[in-house]
Amino acid sequence: MNKFQEAEQLFVESLDIGRRCGAPDTEISTAMNNLAGLYESSGRMEEAVELYEESLEIERKSGDTSSLAMFVTVTNLGNIYRECGELTKSVRLLETVVAMRRSCYLSPHPRVALAIHQLALAYKSSGQIDKAIELYQESMAIRRQCGDVHSLKMFATRINLGCCYRDSGKLQESVPLLEEAVAIRRS
């Protein structure tokens, strides 16, 4: 048995035990997210989507729409929908994530910037480059306000924004961002 199979067996057992013992819904949802993440990382997207969707249903039934478990599930499902090309579903869920994050953090916060970045990825994947540019700019502005100017996340945002500018023919905007990203990476 390889490491993946061992991990899968443990996650499945954990989920089964939780169900049999009447564990709280949030624990069942977390176990599902863990197993779904394992499947996602190994390319078993269909199985991962099914688990994330079931987890989201559990979270919705629990009624606590602002819980950390709900946030994690919605984020994971929105991101995997993007990876699977279900871009309308992805955008809808990731817009929800941004709204959830904004309501949790009244001032600029790196987690809000990350949620906006993920939404920008979905818009970019759906070909809505102008909307993606707007969101990447907002994500960068929040990171700057938080003093998060040299992180790998800021690096990724600069790269993605630079590529969006390039893809829309705005090379004068693209080149400086890509040069800044390279400078961050070297530091």
N, C-alpha and C. Protein backbone atom coordinates (compact mmCIF):
# COMPACT_ATOMS: atom_id res chain seq x y z
N MET A 1 0.84 -1.17 0.00
CA MET A 1 0.00 0.00 0.00
C MET A 1 0.90 1.25 0.00
N ASN A 2 0.66 2.15 -0.95
CA ASN A 2 1.47 3.37 -1.00
C ASN A 2 0.91 4.44 -0.05
N LYS A 3 1.61 5.55 0.06
CA LYS A 3 1.24 6.61 1.00
C LYS A 3 -0.13 7.20 0.69
N PHE A 4 -0.44 7.37 -0.60
CA PHE A 4 -1.75 7.89 -0.97
C PHE A 4 -2.84 6.95 -0.48
N GLN A 5 -2.68 5.67 -0.74
CA GLN A 5 -3.69 4.69 -0.32
C GLN A 5 -3.84 4.67 1.20
N GLU A 6 -2.73 4.80 1.91
CA GLU A 6 -2.78 4.85 3.37
C GLU A 6 -3.57 6.07 3.83
N ALA A 7 -3.27 7.20 3.24
CA ALA A 7 -3.96 8.44 3.60
C ALA A 7 -5.45 8.33 3.27
N GLU A 8 -5.76 7.81 2.09
CA GLU A 8 -7.16 7.65 1.71
C GLU A 8 -7.89 6.75 2.70
N GLN A 9 -7.27 5.64 3.06
CA GLN A 9 -7.89 4.71 4.00
C GLN A 9 -8.17 5.40 5.34
N LEU A 10 -7.22 6.17 5.81
CA LEU A 10 -7.40 6.87 7.09
C LEU A 10 -8.51 7.92 7.01
N PHE A 11 -8.55 8.69 5.92
CA PHE A 11 -9.60 9.69 5.76
C PHE A 11 -10.97 9.04 5.66
N VAL A 12 -11.07 7.95 4.91
CA VAL A 12 -12.36 7.24 4.76
C VAL A 12 -12.79 6.68 6.12
N GLU A 13 -11.86 6.08 6.85
CA GLU A 13 -12.18 5.54 8.17
C GLU A 13 -12.63 6.66 9.11
N SER A 14 -11.95 7.78 9.08
CA SER A 14 -12.31 8.91 9.92
C SER A 14 -13.73 9.38 9.62
N LEU A 15 -14.06 9.48 8.35
CA LEU A 15 -15.40 9.89 7.94
C LEU A 15 -16.44 8.86 8.38
N ASP A 16 -16.15 7.58 8.17
CA ASP A 16 -17.09 6.52 8.57
C ASP A 16 -17.32 6.50 10.07
N ILE A 17 -16.26 6.63 10.84
CA ILE A 17 -16.38 6.63 12.30
C ILE A 17 -17.21 7.83 12.75
N GLY A 18 -16.94 8.99 12.17
CA GLY A 18 -17.70 10.18 12.51
C GLY A 18 -19.18 10.01 12.23
N ARG A 19 -19.51 9.42 11.10
CA ARG A 19 -20.92 9.20 10.75
C ARG A 19 -21.58 8.20 11.71
N ARG A 20 -20.87 7.11 11.99
CA ARG A 20 -21.44 6.08 12.87
C ARG A 20 -21.63 6.57 14.30
N CYS A 21 -20.74 7.41 14.75
CA CYS A 21 -20.77 7.88 16.14
C CYS A 21 -21.59 9.14 16.32
N GLY A 22 -22.17 9.65 15.25
CA GLY A 22 -22.99 10.85 15.37
C GLY A 22 -22.20 12.11 15.62
N ALA A 23 -21.03 12.22 15.01
CA ALA A 23 -20.20 13.42 15.17
C ALA A 23 -20.97 14.65 14.67
N PRO A 24 -20.66 15.80 15.22
CA PRO A 24 -21.31 17.03 14.74
C PRO A 24 -21.09 17.24 13.24
N ASP A 25 -22.06 17.90 12.63
CA ASP A 25 -22.00 18.12 11.19
C ASP A 25 -20.71 18.78 10.75
N THR A 26 -20.19 19.73 11.54
CA THR A 26 -18.96 20.42 11.14
C THR A 26 -17.79 19.44 11.07
N GLU A 27 -17.76 18.45 11.95
CA GLU A 27 -16.69 17.45 11.91
C GLU A 27 -16.82 16.55 10.68
N ILE A 28 -18.05 16.18 10.34
CA ILE A 28 -18.29 15.37 9.14
C ILE A 28 -17.87 16.16 7.91
N SER A 29 -18.26 17.43 7.88
CA SER A 29 -17.91 18.30 6.75
C SER A 29 -16.39 18.44 6.62
N THR A 30 -15.70 18.61 7.74
CA THR A 30 -14.25 18.71 7.72
C THR A 30 -13.61 17.43 7.20
N ALA A 31 -14.12 16.29 7.66
CA ALA A 31 -13.59 15.00 7.17
C ALA A 31 -13.80 14.86 5.67
N MET A 32 -14.96 15.30 5.19
CA MET A 32 -15.23 15.25 3.74
C MET A 32 -14.27 16.16 2.98
N ASN A 33 -14.04 17.36 3.51
CA ASN A 33 -13.11 18.28 2.87
C ASN A 33 -11.70 17.71 2.81
N ASN A 34 -11.29 17.04 3.88
CA ASN A 34 -9.96 16.43 3.90
C ASN A 34 -9.83 15.36 2.83
N LEU A 35 -10.83 14.48 2.74
CA LEU A 35 -10.80 13.42 1.73
C LEU A 35 -10.90 14.01 0.33
N ALA A 36 -11.77 15.01 0.16
CA ALA A 36 -11.90 15.65 -1.15
C ALA A 36 -10.58 16.30 -1.57
N GLY A 37 -9.89 16.94 -0.63
CA GLY A 37 -8.59 17.55 -0.94
C GLY A 37 -7.58 16.52 -1.39
N LEU A 38 -7.60 15.36 -0.76
CA LEU A 38 -6.71 14.27 -1.17
C LEU A 38 -7.03 13.84 -2.60
N TYR A 39 -8.32 13.66 -2.88
CA TYR A 39 -8.72 13.27 -4.24
C TYR A 39 -8.34 14.34 -5.26
N GLU A 40 -8.56 15.59 -4.90
CA GLU A 40 -8.23 16.70 -5.80
C GLU A 40 -6.74 16.71 -6.10
N SER A 41 -5.92 16.52 -5.08
CA SER A 41 -4.46 16.57 -5.29
C SER A 41 -3.96 15.41 -6.15
N SER A 42 -4.75 14.35 -6.23
CA SER A 42 -4.34 13.20 -7.05
C SER A 42 -5.06 13.17 -8.39
N GLY A 43 -5.83 14.23 -8.70
CA GLY A 43 -6.49 14.32 -9.99
C GLY A 43 -7.83 13.61 -10.06
N ARG A 44 -8.33 13.14 -8.95
CA ARG A 44 -9.64 12.46 -8.92
C ARG A 44 -10.72 13.51 -8.68
N MET A 45 -10.88 14.38 -9.68
CA MET A 45 -11.71 15.57 -9.54
C MET A 45 -13.19 15.26 -9.34
N GLU A 46 -13.70 14.29 -10.04
CA GLU A 46 -15.12 13.97 -9.93
C GLU A 46 -15.47 13.57 -8.50
N GLU A 47 -14.64 12.72 -7.91
CA GLU A 47 -14.88 12.29 -6.53
C GLU A 47 -14.73 13.47 -5.56
N ALA A 48 -13.75 14.33 -5.83
CA ALA A 48 -13.55 15.50 -4.98
C ALA A 48 -14.76 16.43 -5.04
N VAL A 49 -15.25 16.69 -6.24
CA VAL A 49 -16.41 17.57 -6.40
C VAL A 49 -17.61 17.01 -5.64
N GLU A 50 -17.85 15.71 -5.77
CA GLU A 50 -18.98 15.09 -5.07
C GLU A 50 -18.88 15.30 -3.56
N LEU A 51 -17.70 15.11 -3.02
CA LEU A 51 -17.52 15.28 -1.57
C LEU A 51 -17.67 16.74 -1.15
N TYR A 52 -17.08 17.66 -1.93
CA TYR A 52 -17.22 19.07 -1.61
C TYR A 52 -18.70 19.49 -1.67
N GLU A 53 -19.43 19.00 -2.70
CA GLU A 53 -20.85 19.35 -2.81
C GLU A 53 -21.65 18.80 -1.63
N GLU A 54 -21.37 17.57 -1.24
CA GLU A 54 -22.05 16.98 -0.09
C GLU A 54 -21.71 17.75 1.19
N SER A 55 -20.46 18.14 1.33
CA SER A 55 -20.03 18.91 2.48
C SER A 55 -20.76 20.25 2.53
N LEU A 56 -20.90 20.90 1.38
CA LEU A 56 -21.59 22.18 1.33
C LEU A 56 -23.06 22.01 1.73
N GLU A 57 -23.66 20.94 1.27
CA GLU A 57 -25.05 20.68 1.65
C GLU A 57 -25.19 20.52 3.16
N ILE A 58 -24.27 19.81 3.77
CA ILE A 58 -24.27 19.65 5.23
C ILE A 58 -24.13 21.01 5.91
N GLU A 59 -23.20 21.82 5.41
CA GLU A 59 -22.98 23.15 6.00
C GLU A 59 -24.23 24.02 5.88
N ARG A 60 -24.88 23.96 4.73
CA ARG A 60 -26.09 24.77 4.54
C ARG A 60 -27.19 24.33 5.49
N LYS A 61 -27.34 23.02 5.66
CA LYS A 61 -28.38 22.50 6.56
C LYS A 61 -28.11 22.87 8.01
N SER A 62 -26.83 23.04 8.36
CA SER A 62 -26.50 23.38 9.75
C SER A 62 -26.97 24.79 10.10
N GLY A 63 -27.16 25.63 9.07
CA GLY A 63 -27.68 26.97 9.29
C GLY A 63 -26.65 28.03 9.63
N ASP A 64 -25.42 27.62 9.92
CA ASP A 64 -24.38 28.59 10.26
C ASP A 64 -23.60 28.95 8.99
N THR A 65 -24.13 29.89 8.25
CA THR A 65 -23.54 30.24 6.96
C THR A 65 -22.28 31.10 7.08
N SER A 66 -21.91 31.45 8.29
CA SER A 66 -20.69 32.25 8.45
C SER A 66 -19.58 31.46 9.15
N SER A 67 -19.74 30.15 9.27
CA SER A 67 -18.74 29.33 9.95
C SER A 67 -17.48 29.18 9.10
N LEU A 68 -16.40 28.88 9.77
CA LEU A 68 -15.14 28.62 9.07
C LEU A 68 -15.29 27.41 8.14
N ALA A 69 -15.99 26.39 8.61
CA ALA A 69 -16.19 25.19 7.78
C ALA A 69 -16.95 25.55 6.50
N MET A 70 -17.95 26.41 6.60
CA MET A 70 -18.71 26.83 5.41
C MET A 70 -17.78 27.58 4.46
N PHE A 71 -16.99 28.50 5.01
CA PHE A 71 -16.06 29.27 4.18
C PHE A 71 -15.10 28.34 3.44
N VAL A 72 -14.51 27.39 4.15
CA VAL A 72 -13.54 26.47 3.54
C VAL A 72 -14.20 25.65 2.44
N THR A 73 -15.39 25.14 2.71
CA THR A 73 -16.09 24.32 1.73
C THR A 73 -16.43 25.11 0.47
N VAL A 74 -16.97 26.31 0.65
CA VAL A 74 -17.34 27.14 -0.51
C VAL A 74 -16.09 27.49 -1.32
N THR A 75 -15.01 27.83 -0.64
CA THR A 75 -13.75 28.15 -1.33
C THR A 75 -13.24 26.95 -2.11
N ASN A 76 -13.17 25.80 -1.45
CA ASN A 76 -12.66 24.60 -2.12
C ASN A 76 -13.51 24.23 -3.33
N LEU A 77 -14.82 24.29 -3.17
CA LEU A 77 -15.70 23.93 -4.28
C LEU A 77 -15.60 24.94 -5.42
N GLY A 78 -15.53 26.23 -5.08
CA GLY A 78 -15.36 27.25 -6.13
C GLY A 78 -14.07 27.06 -6.90
N ASN A 79 -12.99 26.74 -6.20
CA ASN A 79 -11.70 26.55 -6.87
C ASN A 79 -11.68 25.28 -7.73
N ILE A 80 -12.28 24.20 -7.25
CA ILE A 80 -12.26 22.98 -8.05
C ILE A 80 -13.19 23.12 -9.26
N TYR A 81 -14.29 23.85 -9.12
CA TYR A 81 -15.13 24.11 -10.29
C TYR A 81 -14.31 24.84 -11.36
N ARG A 82 -13.48 25.81 -10.93
CA ARG A 82 -12.64 26.53 -11.89
C ARG A 82 -11.69 25.55 -12.58
N GLU A 83 -11.05 24.69 -11.78
CA GLU A 83 -10.11 23.72 -12.34
C GLU A 83 -10.79 22.77 -13.32
N CYS A 84 -12.06 22.49 -13.09
CA CYS A 84 -12.81 21.55 -13.94
C CYS A 84 -13.51 22.25 -15.10
N GLY A 85 -13.36 23.57 -15.19
CA GLY A 85 -13.96 24.31 -16.29
C GLY A 85 -15.41 24.69 -16.08
N GLU A 86 -15.95 24.50 -14.90
CA GLU A 86 -17.32 24.90 -14.60
C GLU A 86 -17.28 26.33 -14.05
N LEU A 87 -17.03 27.26 -14.98
CA LEU A 87 -16.66 28.61 -14.60
C LEU A 87 -17.82 29.44 -14.05
N THR A 88 -19.03 29.22 -14.53
CA THR A 88 -20.18 29.95 -13.98
C THR A 88 -20.37 29.59 -12.51
N LYS A 89 -20.31 28.29 -12.21
CA LYS A 89 -20.43 27.85 -10.81
C LYS A 89 -19.28 28.39 -9.98
N SER A 90 -18.08 28.37 -10.54
CA SER A 90 -16.91 28.85 -9.83
C SER A 90 -17.05 30.32 -9.46
N VAL A 91 -17.39 31.14 -10.43
CA VAL A 91 -17.53 32.58 -10.19
C VAL A 91 -18.59 32.83 -9.13
N ARG A 92 -19.72 32.15 -9.24
CA ARG A 92 -20.82 32.37 -8.28
C ARG A 92 -20.35 32.05 -6.85
N LEU A 93 -19.69 30.92 -6.67
CA LEU A 93 -19.24 30.55 -5.33
C LEU A 93 -18.13 31.45 -4.82
N LEU A 94 -17.18 31.79 -5.70
CA LEU A 94 -16.07 32.62 -5.26
C LEU A 94 -16.51 34.06 -4.98
N GLU A 95 -17.56 34.53 -5.65
CA GLU A 95 -18.14 35.83 -5.29
C GLU A 95 -18.72 35.77 -3.87
N THR A 96 -19.31 34.62 -3.54
CA THR A 96 -19.83 34.42 -2.18
C THR A 96 -18.69 34.45 -1.17
N VAL A 97 -17.57 33.83 -1.52
CA VAL A 97 -16.41 33.81 -0.63
C VAL A 97 -15.91 35.24 -0.38
N VAL A 98 -15.82 36.03 -1.43
CA VAL A 98 -15.37 37.42 -1.27
C VAL A 98 -16.33 38.17 -0.34
N ALA A 99 -17.62 37.98 -0.54
CA ALA A 99 -18.60 38.66 0.32
C ALA A 99 -18.46 38.20 1.76
N MET A 100 -18.24 36.90 1.96
CA MET A 100 -18.06 36.37 3.32
C MET A 100 -16.83 36.98 3.97
N ARG A 101 -15.73 37.03 3.22
CA ARG A 101 -14.49 37.59 3.77
C ARG A 101 -14.63 39.07 4.07
N ARG A 102 -15.28 39.80 3.18
CA ARG A 102 -15.47 41.24 3.43
C ARG A 102 -16.29 41.47 4.70
N SER A 103 -17.28 40.61 4.93
CA SER A 103 -18.12 40.80 6.13
C SER A 103 -17.37 40.42 7.41
N CYS A 104 -16.37 39.54 7.30
CA CYS A 104 -15.58 39.14 8.47
C CYS A 104 -14.51 40.18 8.83
N TYR A 105 -13.96 40.83 7.83
CA TYR A 105 -12.85 41.77 8.02
C TYR A 105 -13.28 43.13 7.51
N LEU A 106 -13.53 44.04 8.44
CA LEU A 106 -14.04 45.35 8.05
C LEU A 106 -12.95 46.24 7.47
N SER A 107 -11.71 45.98 7.81
CA SER A 107 -10.61 46.76 7.24
C SER A 107 -9.86 45.87 6.25
N PRO A 108 -8.97 46.44 5.46
CA PRO A 108 -8.22 45.62 4.50
C PRO A 108 -7.50 44.47 5.21
N HIS A 109 -7.57 43.30 4.61
CA HIS A 109 -6.97 42.11 5.23
C HIS A 109 -6.45 41.18 4.13
N PRO A 110 -5.30 40.53 4.35
CA PRO A 110 -4.75 39.62 3.34
C PRO A 110 -5.71 38.50 2.92
N ARG A 111 -6.59 38.07 3.83
CA ARG A 111 -7.53 37.00 3.46
C ARG A 111 -8.58 37.50 2.48
N VAL A 112 -8.94 38.77 2.59
CA VAL A 112 -9.85 39.36 1.61
C VAL A 112 -9.12 39.43 0.26
N ALA A 113 -7.87 39.86 0.30
CA ALA A 113 -7.07 39.94 -0.94
C ALA A 113 -6.97 38.57 -1.61
N LEU A 114 -6.77 37.53 -0.81
CA LEU A 114 -6.67 36.17 -1.37
C LEU A 114 -7.99 35.74 -2.01
N ALA A 115 -9.10 36.02 -1.35
CA ALA A 115 -10.41 35.66 -1.91
C ALA A 115 -10.65 36.38 -3.23
N ILE A 116 -10.27 37.65 -3.28
CA ILE A 116 -10.43 38.43 -4.51
C ILE A 116 -9.52 37.87 -5.61
N HIS A 117 -8.31 37.48 -5.24
CA HIS A 117 -7.37 36.88 -6.20
C HIS A 117 -7.97 35.61 -6.79
N GLN A 118 -8.55 34.76 -5.95
CA GLN A 118 -9.14 33.52 -6.44
C GLN A 118 -10.31 33.79 -7.38
N LEU A 119 -11.11 34.80 -7.06
CA LEU A 119 -12.21 35.19 -7.94
C LEU A 119 -11.66 35.70 -9.27
N ALA A 120 -10.58 36.47 -9.22
CA ALA A 120 -9.96 36.97 -10.46
C ALA A 120 -9.50 35.81 -11.34
N LEU A 121 -8.94 34.76 -10.72
CA LEU A 121 -8.54 33.58 -11.49
C LEU A 121 -9.73 32.99 -12.24
N ALA A 122 -10.87 32.91 -11.57
CA ALA A 122 -12.07 32.35 -12.21
C ALA A 122 -12.52 33.23 -13.37
N TYR A 123 -12.51 34.55 -13.17
CA TYR A 123 -12.89 35.45 -14.27
C TYR A 123 -11.90 35.34 -15.43
N LYS A 124 -10.62 35.25 -15.11
CA LYS A 124 -9.62 35.11 -16.17
C LYS A 124 -9.85 33.81 -16.95
N SER A 125 -10.10 32.73 -16.23
CA SER A 125 -10.35 31.44 -16.88
C SER A 125 -11.58 31.49 -17.78
N SER A 126 -12.56 32.32 -17.40
CA SER A 126 -13.78 32.41 -18.21
C SER A 126 -13.65 33.42 -19.35
N GLY A 127 -12.45 34.01 -19.50
CA GLY A 127 -12.21 34.94 -20.60
C GLY A 127 -12.61 36.37 -20.31
N GLN A 128 -13.03 36.65 -19.10
CA GLN A 128 -13.43 38.01 -18.72
C GLN A 128 -12.23 38.76 -18.16
N ILE A 129 -11.31 39.07 -19.07
CA ILE A 129 -10.01 39.63 -18.69
C ILE A 129 -10.15 40.99 -18.00
N ASP A 130 -11.04 41.85 -18.48
CA ASP A 130 -11.19 43.17 -17.87
C ASP A 130 -11.64 43.06 -16.41
N LYS A 131 -12.56 42.15 -16.13
CA LYS A 131 -13.02 41.94 -14.75
C LYS A 131 -11.88 41.36 -13.92
N ALA A 132 -11.12 40.43 -14.49
CA ALA A 132 -9.97 39.86 -13.77
C ALA A 132 -8.96 40.95 -13.44
N ILE A 133 -8.67 41.83 -14.40
CA ILE A 133 -7.73 42.93 -14.15
C ILE A 133 -8.20 43.79 -12.98
N GLU A 134 -9.47 44.14 -13.00
CA GLU A 134 -10.04 44.97 -11.92
C GLU A 134 -9.85 44.28 -10.56
N LEU A 135 -10.11 43.00 -10.52
CA LEU A 135 -10.00 42.26 -9.25
C LEU A 135 -8.54 42.10 -8.81
N TYR A 136 -7.64 41.81 -9.75
CA TYR A 136 -6.22 41.71 -9.39
C TYR A 136 -5.71 43.04 -8.86
N GLN A 137 -6.14 44.14 -9.47
CA GLN A 137 -5.74 45.46 -8.98
C GLN A 137 -6.23 45.69 -7.55
N GLU A 138 -7.46 45.29 -7.30
CA GLU A 138 -8.01 45.44 -5.95
C GLU A 138 -7.24 44.58 -4.94
N SER A 139 -6.94 43.35 -5.34
CA SER A 139 -6.18 42.45 -4.47
C SER A 139 -4.81 43.04 -4.14
N MET A 140 -4.14 43.59 -5.16
CA MET A 140 -2.83 44.22 -4.94
C MET A 140 -2.94 45.42 -4.01
N ALA A 141 -3.97 46.23 -4.22
CA ALA A 141 -4.14 47.42 -3.38
C ALA A 141 -4.34 47.03 -1.92
N ILE A 142 -5.12 46.00 -1.68
CA ILE A 142 -5.34 45.54 -0.30
C ILE A 142 -4.03 45.03 0.29
N ARG A 143 -3.30 44.25 -0.48
CA ARG A 143 -2.01 43.73 0.03
C ARG A 143 -1.06 44.88 0.36
N ARG A 144 -1.03 45.90 -0.48
CA ARG A 144 -0.18 47.06 -0.18
C ARG A 144 -0.61 47.73 1.12
N GLN A 145 -1.93 47.90 1.30
CA GLN A 145 -2.44 48.52 2.53
C GLN A 145 -2.06 47.71 3.76
N CYS A 146 -1.94 46.41 3.59
CA CYS A 146 -1.59 45.52 4.70
C CYS A 146 -0.08 45.39 4.88
N GLY A 147 0.69 46.04 4.01
CA GLY A 147 2.15 45.94 4.08
C GLY A 147 2.69 44.63 3.54
N ASP A 148 1.88 43.95 2.76
CA ASP A 148 2.22 42.63 2.23
C ASP A 148 2.70 42.79 0.78
N VAL A 149 3.84 43.46 0.60
CA VAL A 149 4.26 43.79 -0.76
C VAL A 149 5.31 42.84 -1.34
N HIS A 150 5.93 42.00 -0.50
CA HIS A 150 7.00 41.13 -0.99
C HIS A 150 6.70 39.65 -0.81
N SER A 151 5.45 39.31 -0.54
CA SER A 151 5.09 37.90 -0.31
C SER A 151 4.94 37.16 -1.63
N LEU A 152 4.91 35.85 -1.54
CA LEU A 152 4.67 35.03 -2.73
C LEU A 152 3.28 35.27 -3.29
N LYS A 153 2.33 35.59 -2.43
CA LYS A 153 0.97 35.87 -2.92
C LYS A 153 0.95 37.16 -3.74
N MET A 154 1.70 38.17 -3.29
CA MET A 154 1.80 39.41 -4.06
C MET A 154 2.53 39.13 -5.37
N PHE A 155 3.54 38.28 -5.32
CA PHE A 155 4.26 37.86 -6.53
C PHE A 155 3.27 37.25 -7.52
N ALA A 156 2.44 36.33 -7.04
CA ALA A 156 1.47 35.65 -7.92
C ALA A 156 0.46 36.64 -8.49
N THR A 157 0.03 37.57 -7.67
CA THR A 157 -0.94 38.57 -8.16
C THR A 157 -0.32 39.44 -9.24
N ARG A 158 0.93 39.86 -9.04
CA ARG A 158 1.61 40.67 -10.06
C ARG A 158 1.75 39.88 -11.37
N ILE A 159 2.15 38.62 -11.26
CA ILE A 159 2.31 37.79 -12.45
C ILE A 159 0.97 37.66 -13.18
N ASN A 160 -0.07 37.33 -12.44
CA ASN A 160 -1.38 37.13 -13.06
C ASN A 160 -1.93 38.42 -13.68
N LEU A 161 -1.76 39.52 -12.97
CA LEU A 161 -2.20 40.81 -13.51
C LEU A 161 -1.39 41.17 -14.75
N GLY A 162 -0.07 40.97 -14.68
CA GLY A 162 0.78 41.24 -15.85
C GLY A 162 0.37 40.39 -17.05
N CYS A 163 0.04 39.15 -16.82
CA CYS A 163 -0.40 38.26 -17.91
C CYS A 163 -1.74 38.70 -18.48
N CYS A 164 -2.63 39.18 -17.61
CA CYS A 164 -3.92 39.69 -18.10
C CYS A 164 -3.71 40.92 -18.99
N TYR A 165 -2.84 41.81 -18.53
CA TYR A 165 -2.54 42.98 -19.36
C TYR A 165 -1.94 42.55 -20.70
N ARG A 166 -1.01 41.60 -20.66
CA ARG A 166 -0.41 41.09 -21.88
C ARG A 166 -1.47 40.51 -22.80
N ASP A 167 -2.36 39.69 -22.23
CA ASP A 167 -3.39 39.04 -23.03
C ASP A 167 -4.38 40.03 -23.64
N SER A 168 -4.52 41.19 -22.99
CA SER A 168 -5.43 42.20 -23.54
C SER A 168 -4.69 43.23 -24.39
N GLY A 169 -3.40 42.97 -24.69
CA GLY A 169 -2.62 43.83 -25.57
C GLY A 169 -2.06 45.07 -24.90
N LYS A 170 -2.08 45.12 -23.58
CA LYS A 170 -1.58 46.29 -22.84
C LYS A 170 -0.18 46.01 -22.32
N LEU A 171 0.76 45.94 -23.24
CA LEU A 171 2.13 45.56 -22.87
C LEU A 171 2.81 46.60 -21.99
N GLN A 172 2.46 47.88 -22.16
CA GLN A 172 3.08 48.91 -21.33
C GLN A 172 2.72 48.73 -19.85
N GLU A 173 1.55 48.19 -19.56
CA GLU A 173 1.17 47.91 -18.19
C GLU A 173 1.74 46.57 -17.73
N SER A 174 1.88 45.64 -18.66
CA SER A 174 2.31 44.29 -18.34
C SER A 174 3.78 44.22 -17.92
N VAL A 175 4.65 44.81 -18.70
CA VAL A 175 6.09 44.66 -18.49
C VAL A 175 6.54 45.12 -17.10
N PRO A 176 6.14 46.30 -16.62
CA PRO A 176 6.60 46.71 -15.28
C PRO A 176 6.15 45.74 -14.17
N LEU A 177 4.94 45.23 -14.28
CA LEU A 177 4.46 44.29 -13.27
C LEU A 177 5.27 43.01 -13.27
N LEU A 178 5.58 42.51 -14.45
CA LEU A 178 6.36 41.29 -14.55
C LEU A 178 7.79 41.52 -14.06
N GLU A 179 8.33 42.69 -14.34
CA GLU A 179 9.67 43.02 -13.83
C GLU A 179 9.66 43.12 -12.29
N GLU A 180 8.61 43.74 -11.73
CA GLU A 180 8.48 43.81 -10.27
C GLU A 180 8.38 42.41 -9.67
N ALA A 181 7.63 41.55 -10.33
CA ALA A 181 7.47 40.17 -9.84
C ALA A 181 8.81 39.45 -9.82
N VAL A 182 9.59 39.63 -10.87
CA VAL A 182 10.91 38.99 -10.91
C VAL A 182 11.79 39.54 -9.80
N ALA A 183 11.73 40.84 -9.56
CA ALA A 183 12.53 41.45 -8.50
C ALA A 183 12.12 40.89 -7.12
N ILE A 184 10.82 40.70 -6.90
CA ILE A 184 10.35 40.13 -5.64
C ILE A 184 10.88 38.71 -5.49
N ARG A 185 10.80 37.97 -6.54
CA ARG A 185 11.22 36.56 -6.51
C ARG A 185 12.71 36.44 -6.20
N ARG A 186 13.50 37.38 -6.71
CA ARG A 186 14.95 37.33 -6.50
C ARG A 186 15.34 37.75 -5.08
N SER A 187 14.46 38.55 -4.43
CA SER A 187 14.81 39.06 -3.09
C SER A 187 14.57 38.07 -1.99
